[in-house]
C-alpha cells in the first residue's frame, strides 16, 4: 500500500501536485485518493467508447472534443478523474497550457465501473456531477452488464438503464448507434476483436 506524503491539499496545489511516482489521484475534501490502475477490460471499453464518440463528433461536424482521464472540479477542494468526458472546444481552449481539470461542466461524462469504484461511480460521482450540472452521465458497468444513462432534470438525474442488445439513448448524441453488448464485447479479448 502506498501512502501519500501530504495530509491536506488545496485545489490549486492539486493542479500542480507531483510526487514523482506516476500514480493518479482524485482530490476529495482536500485529501488525495489514489486511483488504482485500470484493468485491460476497462481500457478496451474506454477505447471503444472514445473511438465511437469521436467518430460521432466528426460525423456531426461538431466543435466538441472527447478526452480520456481529464479532471473535473466538483467542489472547493474536490476534483474527479473521468474515464471519458466530452467538452466544447472553448472549454478545452481555456486549459490549453494548464492542467486538464475542467471547472465548468462537461457536456457528457462516462465512467466505467470496476470492483473498487462501485460506490464512487454510482453514489459519490453521481451526486457531485449533478451538483456541477453535468447534463449527461453514463455509468458503464461490466460487472452487472448494464449501462445507466443519467440525464439532468431540475437538478437531479433521471436514470435509464440499457442492457444486452439495446442501443444507448443519449441526449448529447441522439443519433449514436451503439448497443450495450457491442461495448462489453469490446472489453473481452476472447470474442474476436477487430482492429
N, C-alpha and C. Protein backbone atom coordinates (compact mmCIF):
# COMPACT_ATOMS: atom_id res chain seq x y z
N UNK A 1 0.84 -1.18 0.00
CA UNK A 1 0.00 0.00 0.00
C UNK A 1 0.89 1.25 0.00
N UNK A 2 0.56 2.17 -0.87
CA UNK A 2 1.31 3.42 -0.98
C UNK A 2 0.55 4.49 -0.21
N UNK A 3 1.27 5.22 0.62
CA UNK A 3 0.64 6.34 1.30
C UNK A 3 1.16 7.63 0.70
N UNK A 4 0.31 8.61 0.63
CA UNK A 4 0.72 9.89 0.06
C UNK A 4 1.33 10.74 1.16
N UNK A 5 2.36 11.51 0.83
CA UNK A 5 3.08 12.27 1.84
C UNK A 5 2.33 13.49 2.37
N UNK A 6 1.28 13.91 1.70
CA UNK A 6 0.56 15.10 2.17
C UNK A 6 -0.74 14.67 2.82
N UNK A 7 -1.17 15.42 3.82
CA UNK A 7 -2.41 15.08 4.51
C UNK A 7 -3.56 15.98 4.09
N UNK A 8 -3.24 17.19 3.63
CA UNK A 8 -4.27 18.12 3.19
C UNK A 8 -3.70 18.97 2.06
N UNK A 9 -4.53 19.20 1.06
CA UNK A 9 -4.05 19.92 -0.12
C UNK A 9 -5.20 20.74 -0.68
N UNK A 10 -4.90 21.92 -1.20
CA UNK A 10 -5.93 22.75 -1.81
C UNK A 10 -6.10 22.35 -3.28
N UNK A 11 -7.17 22.83 -3.88
CA UNK A 11 -7.39 22.56 -5.29
C UNK A 11 -6.24 23.12 -6.12
N UNK A 12 -5.79 24.32 -5.80
CA UNK A 12 -4.71 24.95 -6.56
C UNK A 12 -3.42 24.14 -6.44
N UNK A 13 -3.13 23.60 -5.26
CA UNK A 13 -1.94 22.74 -5.07
C UNK A 13 -2.09 21.44 -5.83
N UNK A 14 -3.31 20.92 -5.87
CA UNK A 14 -3.59 19.67 -6.60
C UNK A 14 -3.26 19.80 -8.08
N UNK A 15 -3.54 20.97 -8.65
CA UNK A 15 -3.31 21.18 -10.09
C UNK A 15 -1.86 20.97 -10.50
N UNK A 16 -0.94 21.20 -9.56
CA UNK A 16 0.49 21.05 -9.88
C UNK A 16 1.16 19.95 -9.06
N UNK A 17 0.37 19.16 -8.33
CA UNK A 17 0.94 18.14 -7.45
C UNK A 17 1.59 17.02 -8.26
N UNK A 18 2.81 16.68 -7.86
CA UNK A 18 3.53 15.56 -8.49
C UNK A 18 4.46 14.97 -7.45
N UNK A 19 4.15 13.74 -7.02
CA UNK A 19 5.02 13.11 -6.03
C UNK A 19 6.09 12.24 -6.70
N UNK A 20 6.11 12.28 -8.05
CA UNK A 20 7.15 11.57 -8.79
C UNK A 20 6.93 10.07 -8.95
N UNK A 21 5.81 9.54 -8.45
CA UNK A 21 5.60 8.09 -8.56
C UNK A 21 4.75 7.69 -9.75
N UNK A 22 4.19 8.66 -10.49
CA UNK A 22 3.40 8.35 -11.68
C UNK A 22 1.97 7.92 -11.41
N UNK A 23 1.54 7.89 -10.15
CA UNK A 23 0.19 7.49 -9.82
C UNK A 23 -0.80 8.63 -10.11
N UNK A 24 -2.06 8.27 -10.26
CA UNK A 24 -3.13 9.25 -10.46
C UNK A 24 -3.94 9.37 -9.19
N UNK A 25 -4.34 10.58 -8.87
CA UNK A 25 -5.12 10.84 -7.66
C UNK A 25 -6.35 11.65 -8.01
N UNK A 26 -7.40 11.44 -7.21
CA UNK A 26 -8.52 12.36 -7.18
C UNK A 26 -8.38 13.16 -5.90
N UNK A 27 -8.93 14.35 -5.90
CA UNK A 27 -8.93 15.20 -4.72
C UNK A 27 -10.32 15.16 -4.11
N UNK A 28 -10.42 14.68 -2.88
CA UNK A 28 -11.72 14.55 -2.22
C UNK A 28 -11.63 15.23 -0.86
N UNK A 29 -12.32 16.35 -0.73
CA UNK A 29 -12.32 17.14 0.51
C UNK A 29 -10.91 17.44 1.00
N UNK A 30 -10.05 17.84 0.07
CA UNK A 30 -8.70 18.24 0.41
C UNK A 30 -7.72 17.10 0.63
N UNK A 31 -8.15 15.86 0.39
CA UNK A 31 -7.26 14.71 0.56
C UNK A 31 -7.07 14.01 -0.78
N UNK A 32 -5.86 13.54 -1.01
CA UNK A 32 -5.57 12.80 -2.24
C UNK A 32 -6.04 11.36 -2.09
N UNK A 33 -6.81 10.88 -3.07
CA UNK A 33 -7.24 9.49 -3.10
C UNK A 33 -6.59 8.82 -4.29
N UNK A 34 -5.80 7.79 -4.01
CA UNK A 34 -5.08 7.06 -5.04
C UNK A 34 -6.06 6.28 -5.91
N UNK A 35 -5.92 6.41 -7.22
CA UNK A 35 -6.73 5.65 -8.16
C UNK A 35 -5.95 4.41 -8.61
N UNK A 36 -6.55 3.25 -8.45
CA UNK A 36 -5.89 2.02 -8.89
C UNK A 36 -5.77 2.00 -10.40
N UNK A 37 -4.70 1.38 -10.93
CA UNK A 37 -4.59 1.26 -12.39
C UNK A 37 -5.77 0.45 -12.94
N UNK A 38 -6.32 0.87 -14.07
CA UNK A 38 -7.47 0.16 -14.66
C UNK A 38 -7.08 -1.23 -15.18
N UNK A 39 -8.09 -2.08 -15.34
CA UNK A 39 -7.88 -3.39 -15.95
C UNK A 39 -7.81 -3.24 -17.47
N UNK A 40 -7.37 -4.27 -18.15
CA UNK A 40 -7.35 -4.27 -19.62
C UNK A 40 -8.78 -4.15 -20.14
N UNK A 41 -9.74 -4.85 -19.52
CA UNK A 41 -11.14 -4.73 -19.93
C UNK A 41 -11.58 -3.27 -19.88
N UNK A 42 -11.24 -2.59 -18.81
CA UNK A 42 -11.58 -1.18 -18.62
C UNK A 42 -10.99 -0.34 -19.76
N UNK A 43 -9.68 -0.53 -20.03
CA UNK A 43 -9.02 0.21 -21.11
C UNK A 43 -9.70 -0.02 -22.46
N UNK A 44 -10.06 -1.27 -22.74
CA UNK A 44 -10.67 -1.61 -24.03
C UNK A 44 -12.06 -0.98 -24.18
N UNK A 45 -12.83 -0.99 -23.11
CA UNK A 45 -14.16 -0.37 -23.14
C UNK A 45 -14.04 1.14 -23.35
N UNK A 46 -13.14 1.77 -22.61
CA UNK A 46 -12.94 3.21 -22.75
C UNK A 46 -12.47 3.54 -24.17
N UNK A 47 -11.55 2.73 -24.70
CA UNK A 47 -11.04 2.95 -26.06
C UNK A 47 -12.17 2.85 -27.08
N UNK A 48 -13.02 1.83 -26.95
CA UNK A 48 -14.15 1.65 -27.87
C UNK A 48 -15.08 2.86 -27.82
N UNK A 49 -15.44 3.28 -26.60
CA UNK A 49 -16.36 4.42 -26.47
C UNK A 49 -15.74 5.72 -26.95
N UNK A 50 -14.47 5.92 -26.66
CA UNK A 50 -13.78 7.13 -27.12
C UNK A 50 -13.77 7.18 -28.64
N UNK A 51 -13.47 6.05 -29.27
CA UNK A 51 -13.47 5.98 -30.74
C UNK A 51 -14.87 6.26 -31.29
N UNK A 52 -15.90 5.66 -30.68
CA UNK A 52 -17.28 5.85 -31.14
C UNK A 52 -17.72 7.30 -30.98
N UNK A 53 -17.40 7.91 -29.85
CA UNK A 53 -17.80 9.30 -29.62
C UNK A 53 -17.06 10.26 -30.55
N UNK A 54 -15.76 10.01 -30.75
CA UNK A 54 -15.00 10.87 -31.67
C UNK A 54 -15.53 10.75 -33.10
N UNK A 55 -15.91 9.55 -33.50
CA UNK A 55 -16.47 9.35 -34.85
C UNK A 55 -17.80 10.10 -34.98
N UNK A 56 -18.62 10.06 -33.93
CA UNK A 56 -19.91 10.75 -33.98
C UNK A 56 -19.71 12.27 -33.97
N UNK A 57 -18.75 12.75 -33.20
CA UNK A 57 -18.43 14.18 -33.19
C UNK A 57 -18.00 14.62 -34.59
N UNK A 58 -17.17 13.83 -35.23
CA UNK A 58 -16.69 14.15 -36.58
C UNK A 58 -17.84 14.09 -37.59
N UNK A 59 -18.67 13.03 -37.49
CA UNK A 59 -19.79 12.87 -38.41
C UNK A 59 -20.74 14.06 -38.33
N UNK A 60 -20.94 14.57 -37.12
CA UNK A 60 -21.85 15.71 -36.92
C UNK A 60 -21.17 17.05 -37.18
N UNK A 61 -19.87 17.01 -37.51
CA UNK A 61 -19.10 18.23 -37.74
C UNK A 61 -19.23 19.18 -36.54
N UNK A 62 -19.14 18.58 -35.35
CA UNK A 62 -19.32 19.32 -34.11
C UNK A 62 -18.00 19.93 -33.64
N UNK A 63 -18.10 20.96 -32.81
CA UNK A 63 -16.92 21.59 -32.23
C UNK A 63 -16.70 21.07 -30.81
N UNK A 64 -16.91 19.79 -30.62
CA UNK A 64 -16.70 19.16 -29.34
C UNK A 64 -15.45 18.30 -29.39
N UNK A 65 -14.93 17.96 -28.22
CA UNK A 65 -13.76 17.10 -28.10
C UNK A 65 -14.03 16.04 -27.04
N UNK A 66 -13.46 14.85 -27.24
CA UNK A 66 -13.57 13.77 -26.25
C UNK A 66 -12.18 13.55 -25.66
N UNK A 67 -12.10 13.53 -24.32
CA UNK A 67 -10.84 13.34 -23.63
C UNK A 67 -10.92 12.17 -22.66
N UNK A 68 -9.82 11.45 -22.53
CA UNK A 68 -9.70 10.39 -21.53
C UNK A 68 -8.96 10.93 -20.33
N UNK A 69 -9.39 10.50 -19.15
CA UNK A 69 -8.69 10.76 -17.90
C UNK A 69 -8.43 12.24 -17.62
N UNK A 70 -9.35 13.09 -18.04
CA UNK A 70 -9.22 14.50 -17.66
C UNK A 70 -9.91 14.70 -16.32
N UNK A 71 -9.58 15.79 -15.67
CA UNK A 71 -10.18 16.07 -14.38
C UNK A 71 -11.38 16.98 -14.50
N UNK A 72 -12.23 16.92 -13.48
CA UNK A 72 -13.38 17.81 -13.38
C UNK A 72 -13.47 18.27 -11.93
N UNK A 73 -13.43 19.57 -11.74
CA UNK A 73 -13.55 20.11 -10.38
C UNK A 73 -15.01 20.01 -9.97
N UNK A 74 -15.26 19.33 -8.84
CA UNK A 74 -16.64 19.12 -8.39
C UNK A 74 -16.93 19.81 -7.07
N UNK A 75 -15.97 20.55 -6.55
CA UNK A 75 -16.18 21.25 -5.29
C UNK A 75 -14.98 22.14 -4.99
N UNK A 76 -15.03 22.83 -3.85
CA UNK A 76 -13.95 23.75 -3.50
C UNK A 76 -12.60 23.03 -3.47
N UNK A 77 -12.53 21.92 -2.79
CA UNK A 77 -11.32 21.11 -2.74
C UNK A 77 -11.61 19.69 -3.18
N UNK A 78 -12.29 19.59 -4.35
CA UNK A 78 -12.65 18.29 -4.92
C UNK A 78 -12.40 18.30 -6.41
N UNK A 79 -11.79 17.22 -6.88
CA UNK A 79 -11.59 17.05 -8.32
C UNK A 79 -11.61 15.56 -8.63
N UNK A 80 -12.40 15.19 -9.61
CA UNK A 80 -12.52 13.79 -10.02
C UNK A 80 -11.81 13.58 -11.35
N UNK A 81 -11.30 12.37 -11.55
CA UNK A 81 -10.76 11.97 -12.85
C UNK A 81 -11.83 11.19 -13.58
N UNK A 82 -12.14 11.60 -14.80
CA UNK A 82 -13.16 10.91 -15.58
C UNK A 82 -12.50 9.86 -16.47
N UNK A 83 -13.26 8.82 -16.80
CA UNK A 83 -12.75 7.88 -17.81
C UNK A 83 -12.83 8.53 -19.19
N UNK A 84 -13.93 9.21 -19.45
CA UNK A 84 -14.12 9.95 -20.70
C UNK A 84 -14.97 11.18 -20.39
N UNK A 85 -14.68 12.27 -21.06
CA UNK A 85 -15.60 13.39 -20.99
C UNK A 85 -15.59 14.11 -22.33
N UNK A 86 -16.74 14.66 -22.65
CA UNK A 86 -16.91 15.43 -23.88
C UNK A 86 -17.11 16.88 -23.47
N UNK A 87 -16.30 17.75 -24.09
CA UNK A 87 -16.34 19.17 -23.78
C UNK A 87 -16.37 19.97 -25.08
N UNK A 88 -16.63 21.25 -24.96
CA UNK A 88 -16.57 22.13 -26.13
C UNK A 88 -15.12 22.52 -26.39
N UNK A 89 -14.85 22.96 -27.60
CA UNK A 89 -13.51 23.45 -27.93
C UNK A 89 -13.17 24.64 -27.04
N UNK A 90 -14.17 25.48 -26.75
CA UNK A 90 -13.93 26.64 -25.90
C UNK A 90 -13.47 26.22 -24.51
N UNK A 91 -14.09 25.18 -23.95
CA UNK A 91 -13.66 24.69 -22.63
C UNK A 91 -12.21 24.19 -22.69
N UNK A 92 -11.87 23.48 -23.74
CA UNK A 92 -10.51 22.97 -23.89
C UNK A 92 -9.51 24.11 -24.09
N UNK A 93 -9.91 25.11 -24.85
CA UNK A 93 -9.03 26.24 -25.12
C UNK A 93 -8.66 26.96 -23.81
N UNK A 94 -9.58 27.05 -22.88
CA UNK A 94 -9.31 27.70 -21.59
C UNK A 94 -8.19 27.00 -20.82
N UNK A 95 -7.99 25.71 -21.09
CA UNK A 95 -6.99 24.92 -20.35
C UNK A 95 -5.80 24.54 -21.21
N UNK A 96 -5.63 25.18 -22.34
CA UNK A 96 -4.63 24.77 -23.32
C UNK A 96 -3.24 24.58 -22.72
N UNK A 97 -2.81 25.48 -21.86
CA UNK A 97 -1.48 25.39 -21.25
C UNK A 97 -1.56 25.21 -19.74
N UNK A 98 -2.62 24.55 -19.29
CA UNK A 98 -2.82 24.33 -17.86
C UNK A 98 -3.19 22.86 -17.62
N UNK A 99 -3.26 22.48 -16.37
CA UNK A 99 -3.70 21.12 -16.03
C UNK A 99 -5.10 20.89 -16.59
N UNK A 100 -5.33 19.72 -17.14
CA UNK A 100 -6.61 19.40 -17.77
C UNK A 100 -7.65 19.04 -16.72
N UNK A 101 -8.03 20.03 -15.93
CA UNK A 101 -9.08 19.87 -14.94
C UNK A 101 -10.14 20.93 -15.24
N UNK A 102 -11.26 20.48 -15.77
CA UNK A 102 -12.32 21.40 -16.18
C UNK A 102 -13.06 21.92 -14.95
N UNK A 103 -13.31 23.23 -14.95
CA UNK A 103 -14.03 23.83 -13.84
C UNK A 103 -15.46 24.19 -14.24
N UNK A 104 -15.78 24.01 -15.51
CA UNK A 104 -17.16 24.15 -15.97
C UNK A 104 -17.64 22.75 -16.37
N UNK A 105 -18.95 22.51 -16.33
CA UNK A 105 -19.43 21.14 -16.55
C UNK A 105 -19.21 20.66 -17.98
N UNK A 106 -18.61 19.46 -18.14
CA UNK A 106 -18.55 18.85 -19.47
C UNK A 106 -19.96 18.56 -19.98
N UNK A 107 -20.09 18.35 -21.28
CA UNK A 107 -21.38 18.01 -21.88
C UNK A 107 -21.80 16.59 -21.50
N UNK A 108 -20.80 15.72 -21.36
CA UNK A 108 -21.05 14.30 -21.09
C UNK A 108 -19.85 13.75 -20.34
N UNK A 109 -20.11 12.94 -19.31
CA UNK A 109 -19.05 12.21 -18.61
C UNK A 109 -19.40 10.74 -18.65
N UNK A 110 -18.38 9.90 -18.90
CA UNK A 110 -18.54 8.45 -18.90
C UNK A 110 -17.58 7.87 -17.86
N UNK A 111 -18.11 7.03 -16.99
CA UNK A 111 -17.30 6.29 -16.02
C UNK A 111 -17.54 4.81 -16.23
N UNK A 112 -16.45 4.03 -16.23
CA UNK A 112 -16.53 2.57 -16.34
C UNK A 112 -16.30 2.01 -14.94
N UNK A 113 -17.25 1.23 -14.46
CA UNK A 113 -17.21 0.70 -13.10
C UNK A 113 -16.19 -0.43 -13.00
N UNK A 114 -15.43 -0.40 -11.91
CA UNK A 114 -14.55 -1.51 -11.57
C UNK A 114 -14.91 -1.94 -10.14
N UNK A 115 -14.44 -3.10 -9.69
CA UNK A 115 -14.88 -3.58 -8.36
C UNK A 115 -14.66 -2.56 -7.24
N UNK A 116 -13.56 -1.79 -7.29
CA UNK A 116 -13.30 -0.85 -6.20
C UNK A 116 -13.96 0.51 -6.42
N UNK A 117 -14.62 0.73 -7.57
CA UNK A 117 -15.21 2.05 -7.83
C UNK A 117 -16.73 2.06 -7.81
N UNK A 118 -17.37 0.96 -7.42
CA UNK A 118 -18.84 0.88 -7.48
C UNK A 118 -19.48 2.02 -6.72
N UNK A 119 -19.14 2.18 -5.44
CA UNK A 119 -19.75 3.23 -4.62
C UNK A 119 -19.38 4.61 -5.15
N UNK A 120 -18.14 4.77 -5.56
CA UNK A 120 -17.67 6.07 -6.06
C UNK A 120 -18.43 6.47 -7.32
N UNK A 121 -18.58 5.54 -8.28
CA UNK A 121 -19.23 5.87 -9.56
C UNK A 121 -20.74 6.02 -9.43
N UNK A 122 -21.39 5.13 -8.64
CA UNK A 122 -22.85 5.16 -8.54
C UNK A 122 -23.36 6.22 -7.55
N UNK A 123 -22.60 6.49 -6.51
CA UNK A 123 -23.10 7.40 -5.49
C UNK A 123 -22.38 8.75 -5.49
N UNK A 124 -21.08 8.73 -5.19
CA UNK A 124 -20.36 9.99 -4.99
C UNK A 124 -20.29 10.83 -6.27
N UNK A 125 -19.82 10.21 -7.35
CA UNK A 125 -19.69 10.97 -8.60
C UNK A 125 -21.06 11.38 -9.12
N UNK A 126 -22.04 10.52 -8.95
CA UNK A 126 -23.40 10.86 -9.41
C UNK A 126 -23.88 12.15 -8.74
N UNK A 127 -23.73 12.25 -7.43
CA UNK A 127 -24.22 13.46 -6.75
C UNK A 127 -23.34 14.67 -7.07
N UNK A 128 -22.03 14.47 -7.18
CA UNK A 128 -21.13 15.58 -7.49
C UNK A 128 -21.36 16.09 -8.91
N UNK A 129 -21.53 15.19 -9.87
CA UNK A 129 -21.77 15.62 -11.25
C UNK A 129 -23.12 16.31 -11.39
N UNK A 130 -24.12 15.86 -10.65
CA UNK A 130 -25.42 16.53 -10.68
C UNK A 130 -25.30 17.94 -10.09
N UNK A 131 -24.59 18.08 -8.99
CA UNK A 131 -24.40 19.40 -8.37
C UNK A 131 -23.64 20.34 -9.29
N UNK A 132 -22.70 19.79 -10.07
CA UNK A 132 -21.94 20.59 -11.04
C UNK A 132 -22.78 20.91 -12.29
N UNK A 133 -23.91 20.23 -12.43
CA UNK A 133 -24.84 20.38 -13.56
C UNK A 133 -24.28 19.81 -14.86
N UNK A 134 -23.64 18.64 -14.76
CA UNK A 134 -23.23 17.89 -15.95
C UNK A 134 -24.52 17.34 -16.56
N UNK A 135 -24.85 17.71 -17.80
CA UNK A 135 -26.16 17.35 -18.34
C UNK A 135 -26.38 15.86 -18.58
N UNK A 136 -25.27 15.11 -18.81
CA UNK A 136 -25.43 13.68 -19.10
C UNK A 136 -24.25 12.92 -18.53
N UNK A 137 -24.55 11.81 -17.84
CA UNK A 137 -23.54 10.99 -17.17
C UNK A 137 -23.86 9.52 -17.44
N UNK A 138 -22.89 8.81 -18.01
CA UNK A 138 -23.06 7.38 -18.26
C UNK A 138 -22.26 6.59 -17.24
N UNK A 139 -22.90 5.58 -16.65
CA UNK A 139 -22.21 4.63 -15.80
C UNK A 139 -22.20 3.30 -16.54
N UNK A 140 -21.02 2.94 -17.05
CA UNK A 140 -20.84 1.71 -17.83
C UNK A 140 -20.38 0.64 -16.85
N UNK A 141 -21.23 -0.36 -16.64
CA UNK A 141 -20.98 -1.35 -15.59
C UNK A 141 -20.81 -2.76 -16.16
N UNK A 142 -19.56 -3.16 -16.47
CA UNK A 142 -19.33 -4.51 -16.97
C UNK A 142 -19.58 -5.58 -15.91
N UNK A 143 -19.56 -5.22 -14.63
CA UNK A 143 -19.82 -6.18 -13.55
C UNK A 143 -21.27 -6.64 -13.57
N UNK A 144 -22.17 -5.72 -13.92
CA UNK A 144 -23.61 -6.01 -13.97
C UNK A 144 -24.14 -6.15 -15.40
N UNK A 145 -23.30 -5.86 -16.39
CA UNK A 145 -23.74 -5.96 -17.78
C UNK A 145 -24.78 -4.93 -18.17
N UNK A 146 -24.64 -3.71 -17.64
CA UNK A 146 -25.64 -2.67 -17.93
C UNK A 146 -24.96 -1.32 -18.06
N UNK A 147 -25.66 -0.42 -18.72
CA UNK A 147 -25.20 0.96 -18.84
C UNK A 147 -26.34 1.86 -18.39
N UNK A 148 -26.05 2.69 -17.41
CA UNK A 148 -27.04 3.65 -16.91
C UNK A 148 -26.74 5.00 -17.55
N UNK A 149 -27.73 5.56 -18.20
CA UNK A 149 -27.61 6.90 -18.77
C UNK A 149 -28.44 7.82 -17.89
N UNK A 150 -27.75 8.79 -17.30
CA UNK A 150 -28.39 9.73 -16.39
C UNK A 150 -28.48 11.09 -17.05
N UNK A 151 -29.69 11.61 -17.14
CA UNK A 151 -29.93 12.92 -17.75
C UNK A 151 -30.40 13.89 -16.67
N UNK A 152 -29.78 15.06 -16.63
CA UNK A 152 -30.09 16.04 -15.60
C UNK A 152 -31.45 16.68 -15.86
N UNK A 153 -32.32 16.59 -14.87
CA UNK A 153 -33.66 17.20 -14.93
C UNK A 153 -33.90 17.91 -13.60
N UNK A 154 -34.02 19.22 -13.63
CA UNK A 154 -34.29 20.02 -12.42
C UNK A 154 -33.31 19.70 -11.29
N UNK A 155 -32.04 19.59 -11.63
CA UNK A 155 -31.01 19.40 -10.61
C UNK A 155 -30.76 17.96 -10.17
N UNK A 156 -31.56 17.03 -10.68
CA UNK A 156 -31.40 15.61 -10.32
C UNK A 156 -31.30 14.77 -11.59
N UNK A 157 -30.64 13.62 -11.46
CA UNK A 157 -30.52 12.73 -12.61
C UNK A 157 -31.72 11.80 -12.72
N UNK A 158 -32.27 11.74 -13.93
CA UNK A 158 -33.27 10.74 -14.29
C UNK A 158 -32.50 9.62 -14.98
N UNK A 159 -32.66 8.39 -14.51
CA UNK A 159 -31.85 7.28 -14.97
C UNK A 159 -32.62 6.34 -15.89
N UNK A 160 -31.97 5.96 -16.99
CA UNK A 160 -32.48 4.91 -17.87
C UNK A 160 -31.39 3.86 -17.98
N UNK A 161 -31.75 2.59 -17.77
CA UNK A 161 -30.78 1.51 -17.80
C UNK A 161 -30.94 0.73 -19.11
N UNK A 162 -29.80 0.50 -19.77
CA UNK A 162 -29.76 -0.24 -21.02
C UNK A 162 -28.96 -1.53 -20.82
N UNK A 163 -29.44 -2.63 -21.43
CA UNK A 163 -28.76 -3.91 -21.31
C UNK A 163 -28.76 -4.63 -22.66
N UNK A 164 -27.99 -5.71 -22.73
CA UNK A 164 -27.96 -6.64 -23.87
C UNK A 164 -27.79 -5.91 -25.20
N UNK A 165 -28.74 -6.13 -26.12
CA UNK A 165 -28.59 -5.55 -27.46
C UNK A 165 -29.31 -4.21 -27.62
N UNK A 166 -29.72 -3.60 -26.50
CA UNK A 166 -30.37 -2.29 -26.57
C UNK A 166 -29.35 -1.23 -26.98
N UNK A 167 -29.79 -0.31 -27.83
CA UNK A 167 -28.93 0.81 -28.19
C UNK A 167 -29.04 1.89 -27.12
N UNK A 168 -27.90 2.49 -26.82
CA UNK A 168 -27.86 3.55 -25.81
C UNK A 168 -28.62 4.76 -26.33
N UNK A 169 -29.47 5.31 -25.48
CA UNK A 169 -30.18 6.54 -25.80
C UNK A 169 -29.47 7.70 -25.16
N UNK A 170 -28.95 8.61 -25.97
CA UNK A 170 -28.16 9.73 -25.47
C UNK A 170 -28.78 11.05 -25.92
N UNK A 171 -28.92 11.99 -25.00
CA UNK A 171 -29.40 13.32 -25.37
C UNK A 171 -28.28 14.09 -26.09
N UNK A 172 -27.04 13.88 -25.66
CA UNK A 172 -25.90 14.58 -26.25
C UNK A 172 -25.62 14.08 -27.66
N UNK A 173 -25.77 12.78 -27.85
CA UNK A 173 -25.52 12.14 -29.15
C UNK A 173 -26.76 11.35 -29.57
N UNK A 174 -27.82 12.04 -30.00
CA UNK A 174 -29.10 11.36 -30.27
C UNK A 174 -29.05 10.36 -31.42
N UNK A 175 -28.08 10.48 -32.32
CA UNK A 175 -28.01 9.56 -33.45
C UNK A 175 -26.93 8.50 -33.28
N UNK A 176 -26.30 8.45 -32.13
CA UNK A 176 -25.27 7.45 -31.86
C UNK A 176 -25.89 6.06 -31.92
N UNK A 177 -25.29 5.17 -32.69
CA UNK A 177 -25.83 3.81 -32.86
C UNK A 177 -24.85 2.80 -32.27
N UNK A 178 -24.91 2.66 -30.95
CA UNK A 178 -24.04 1.71 -30.24
C UNK A 178 -24.90 0.93 -29.25
N UNK A 179 -24.81 -0.39 -29.33
CA UNK A 179 -25.56 -1.25 -28.42
C UNK A 179 -24.68 -1.65 -27.23
N UNK A 180 -25.33 -1.94 -26.12
CA UNK A 180 -24.62 -2.30 -24.89
C UNK A 180 -23.70 -3.48 -25.11
N UNK A 181 -24.18 -4.54 -25.78
CA UNK A 181 -23.33 -5.73 -25.94
C UNK A 181 -22.11 -5.44 -26.81
N UNK A 182 -22.19 -4.48 -27.73
CA UNK A 182 -21.00 -4.08 -28.51
C UNK A 182 -19.92 -3.52 -27.60
N UNK A 183 -20.34 -2.72 -26.63
CA UNK A 183 -19.40 -2.09 -25.71
C UNK A 183 -18.72 -3.14 -24.84
N UNK A 184 -19.51 -4.07 -24.30
CA UNK A 184 -18.92 -5.08 -23.43
C UNK A 184 -18.12 -6.12 -24.22
N UNK A 185 -18.50 -6.39 -25.45
CA UNK A 185 -17.71 -7.28 -26.30
C UNK A 185 -16.34 -6.66 -26.58
N UNK A 186 -16.30 -5.33 -26.72
CA UNK A 186 -15.03 -4.64 -26.97
C UNK A 186 -14.05 -4.85 -25.81
N UNK A 187 -14.58 -5.07 -24.62
CA UNK A 187 -13.74 -5.28 -23.45
C UNK A 187 -13.32 -6.72 -23.23
N UNK A 188 -13.74 -7.62 -24.14
CA UNK A 188 -13.45 -9.04 -23.98
C UNK A 188 -12.55 -9.50 -25.11
N UNK A 189 -11.31 -9.79 -24.81
CA UNK A 189 -10.34 -10.22 -25.83
C UNK A 189 -10.67 -11.58 -26.43
N UNK A 190 -11.54 -12.34 -25.78
CA UNK A 190 -11.87 -13.69 -26.26
C UNK A 190 -12.97 -13.69 -27.31
N UNK A 191 -13.53 -12.54 -27.63
CA UNK A 191 -14.68 -12.52 -28.55
C UNK A 191 -14.35 -11.82 -29.86
N UNK A 192 -13.17 -12.10 -30.39
CA UNK A 192 -12.83 -11.68 -31.75
C UNK A 192 -12.82 -10.19 -32.00
N UNK A 193 -11.91 -9.48 -31.39
CA UNK A 193 -11.79 -8.04 -31.65
C UNK A 193 -11.27 -7.81 -33.06
N UNK A 194 -11.78 -6.75 -33.67
CA UNK A 194 -11.29 -6.34 -34.99
C UNK A 194 -10.58 -5.01 -34.84
N UNK A 195 -9.32 -4.98 -35.20
CA UNK A 195 -8.58 -3.72 -35.15
C UNK A 195 -7.85 -3.48 -36.44
